[in-house]
Structure formats: C-alpha cells, structure tokens
Amino acid sequence: MDIIEIIALAIIQGLTEFLPVFSSAHLILPSALLGWNDQGLAFDVAVHVGSLIAVIGYFRKEIVELIGCWFGSFLDGVTRKVGLAGILFWRRFRLVWRVWCLMNLLKITYAQSP
C-alpha cells in the first residue's frame, strides 16, 4: 500500500465510521472498486483503533464525568440500600426460578413417560 491509499482509506474510515453499515465494508469497497491490494487485517484494526482513540479524545470530558459520578454513587447511602435490596431480590428470584424450572422439568418428564 502506498501513502495515498492509506490516507484515502483513513479519511473514508473517519467519515463513515458511524454510518449503520458493516464496519469494514467501507474499507473493502474502495479497494475493490479502485483495484488496490487488500490492506489486511492489521490495517483494519489500526484504523478502527484510531477511530476509538478519536472518539475517546472527543468525549474525554464526558467520559471522566461519567466515571466520576459512577464512583461517587457508591458513597451515596441510597445506592447502598438499593444494592442491598437488589441482592435480596436476586436471591429470592433465583430460588423461585430454580423451583419453577424443576417443576416444569418434572411436568415434561412425567408427561412424556408412558
């Protein structure tokens, strides 16, 4: 690959990354249409990692704020109470789920036996 192909594919990647299409199709299609060699998996991964770094860089303030709020929520008393309620609910739900599955399994087993 020469530098022109790399720059063209990088620009195409940047412009079309967030379109609802297969994420590598916009890298394969120009190569196929223009008769360029396949760029290989390493190039695809490098371009996608570049897109990820660009998105993280663009939204860095929001990401830091979200992470800070998430960690701060553990210091809140309400979060601990809701978490405890969730744990208690999950234990009860898991027991009811197991009993329901066992009852249906027995029902299916007895219904199929002659």
Protein backbone atom coordinates (compact mmCIF):
# COMPACT_ATOMS: atom_id res chain seq x y z
CA MET A 1 0.00 0.00 0.00
CA ASP A 2 1.27 3.43 -0.77
CA ILE A 3 0.64 6.56 1.27
CA ILE A 4 -2.18 7.78 -0.99
CA GLU A 5 -4.18 4.59 -0.38
CA ILE A 6 -3.58 4.80 3.37
CA ILE A 7 -4.70 8.43 3.56
CA ALA A 8 -7.76 7.77 1.37
CA LEU A 9 -8.87 4.78 3.45
CA ALA A 10 -8.26 6.66 6.72
CA ILE A 11 -10.42 9.56 5.51
CA ILE A 12 -13.14 7.16 4.39
CA GLN A 13 -12.97 5.43 7.79
CA GLY A 14 -13.29 8.73 9.62
CA LEU A 15 -16.24 9.93 7.55
CA THR A 16 -18.21 6.67 7.50
CA GLU A 17 -17.44 5.05 10.86
CA PHE A 18 -20.78 5.96 12.40
CA LEU A 19 -22.98 5.04 9.45
CA PRO A 20 -25.16 1.99 10.09
CA VAL A 21 -23.21 -0.32 7.76
CA PHE A 22 -20.80 -3.17 8.29
CA SER A 23 -17.78 -1.51 9.86
CA SER A 24 -15.22 -2.91 7.43
CA ALA A 25 -17.26 -2.64 4.26
CA HIS A 26 -16.26 0.95 3.72
CA LEU A 27 -12.61 -0.15 3.78
CA ILE A 28 -13.06 -3.12 1.46
CA LEU A 29 -15.28 -1.44 -1.12
CA PRO A 30 -12.91 1.35 -2.24
CA SER A 31 -10.05 -1.13 -2.51
CA ALA A 32 -12.15 -3.42 -4.67
CA LEU A 33 -13.52 -0.63 -6.86
CA LEU A 34 -10.17 1.08 -7.40
CA GLY A 35 -8.18 -2.13 -7.86
CA TRP A 36 -5.99 -1.65 -4.79
CA ASN A 37 -4.46 -4.59 -2.96
CA ASP A 38 -6.17 -5.91 0.14
CA GLN A 39 -4.93 -3.85 3.07
CA GLY A 40 -5.01 -6.75 5.51
CA LEU A 41 -6.38 -7.22 8.98
CA ALA A 42 -3.62 -5.27 10.73
CA PHE A 43 -4.50 -2.12 8.78
CA ASP A 44 -8.22 -2.56 9.52
CA VAL A 45 -7.52 -2.94 13.22
CA ALA A 46 -5.18 0.06 13.24
CA VAL A 47 -7.79 2.27 11.55
CA HIS A 48 -10.52 1.13 13.95
CA VAL A 49 -8.26 1.74 16.96
CA GLY A 50 -7.59 5.20 15.56
CA SER A 51 -11.35 5.82 15.41
CA LEU A 52 -11.72 4.63 19.00
CA ILE A 53 -8.95 6.94 20.19
CA ALA A 54 -10.54 9.85 18.32
CA VAL A 55 -13.95 9.21 19.91
CA ILE A 56 -12.45 8.87 23.39
CA GLY A 57 -10.47 12.06 22.85
CA TYR A 58 -13.56 13.94 21.67
CA PHE A 59 -15.74 12.77 24.57
CA ARG A 60 -12.99 12.72 27.22
CA LYS A 61 -14.70 15.28 29.50
CA GLU A 62 -18.00 13.39 29.41
CA ILE A 63 -16.26 10.06 30.00
CA VAL A 64 -14.35 11.41 33.01
CA GLU A 65 -17.58 12.91 34.37
CA LEU A 66 -19.47 9.63 33.95
CA ILE A 67 -16.73 7.62 35.66
CA GLY A 68 -16.54 10.15 38.49
CA CYS A 69 -20.29 10.06 39.01
CA TRP A 70 -20.28 6.27 38.92
CA PHE A 71 -17.63 6.05 41.64
CA GLY A 72 -19.35 8.83 43.59
CA SER A 73 -22.60 6.88 43.57
CA PHE A 74 -21.02 4.24 45.80
CA LEU A 75 -20.59 6.84 48.53
CA ASP A 76 -24.30 7.66 48.45
CA GLY A 77 -26.42 5.89 51.08
CA VAL A 78 -29.29 5.38 48.64
CA THR A 79 -27.10 3.36 46.30
CA ARG A 80 -26.11 1.01 49.09
CA LYS A 81 -29.75 0.49 50.08
CA VAL A 82 -30.82 -0.18 46.51
CA GLY A 83 -27.87 -2.54 46.03
CA LEU A 84 -28.81 -4.48 49.17
CA ALA A 85 -32.43 -4.68 48.00
CA GLY A 86 -31.22 -5.93 44.63
CA ILE A 87 -29.11 -8.65 46.24
CA LEU A 88 -32.01 -9.81 48.40
CA PHE A 89 -34.37 -9.76 45.42
CA TRP A 90 -31.89 -11.73 43.30
CA ARG A 91 -31.56 -14.44 45.94
CA ARG A 92 -35.34 -14.85 46.17
CA PHE A 93 -35.76 -14.70 42.39
CA ARG A 94 -33.04 -17.31 41.89
CA LEU A 95 -34.77 -19.69 44.32
CA VAL A 96 -38.17 -19.20 42.67
CA TRP A 97 -36.60 -19.66 39.22
CA ARG A 98 -34.96 -22.94 40.23
CA VAL A 99 -38.19 -24.28 41.71
CA TRP A 100 -40.16 -23.24 38.61
CA CYS A 101 -37.64 -24.90 36.28
CA LEU A 102 -37.62 -28.07 38.34
CA MET A 103 -41.42 -28.23 38.37
CA ASN A 104 -41.62 -27.76 34.60
CA LEU A 105 -38.88 -30.33 34.04
CA LEU A 106 -40.78 -32.87 36.14
CA LYS A 107 -44.02 -31.98 34.33
CA ILE A 108 -42.36 -32.56 30.95
CA THR A 109 -40.71 -35.78 32.15
CA TYR A 110 -43.95 -37.26 33.51
CA ALA A 111 -45.98 -36.13 30.51
CA GLN A 112 -43.64 -37.97 28.11
CA SER A 113 -43.44 -41.23 30.05
CA PRO A 114 -45.94 -43.96 29.04
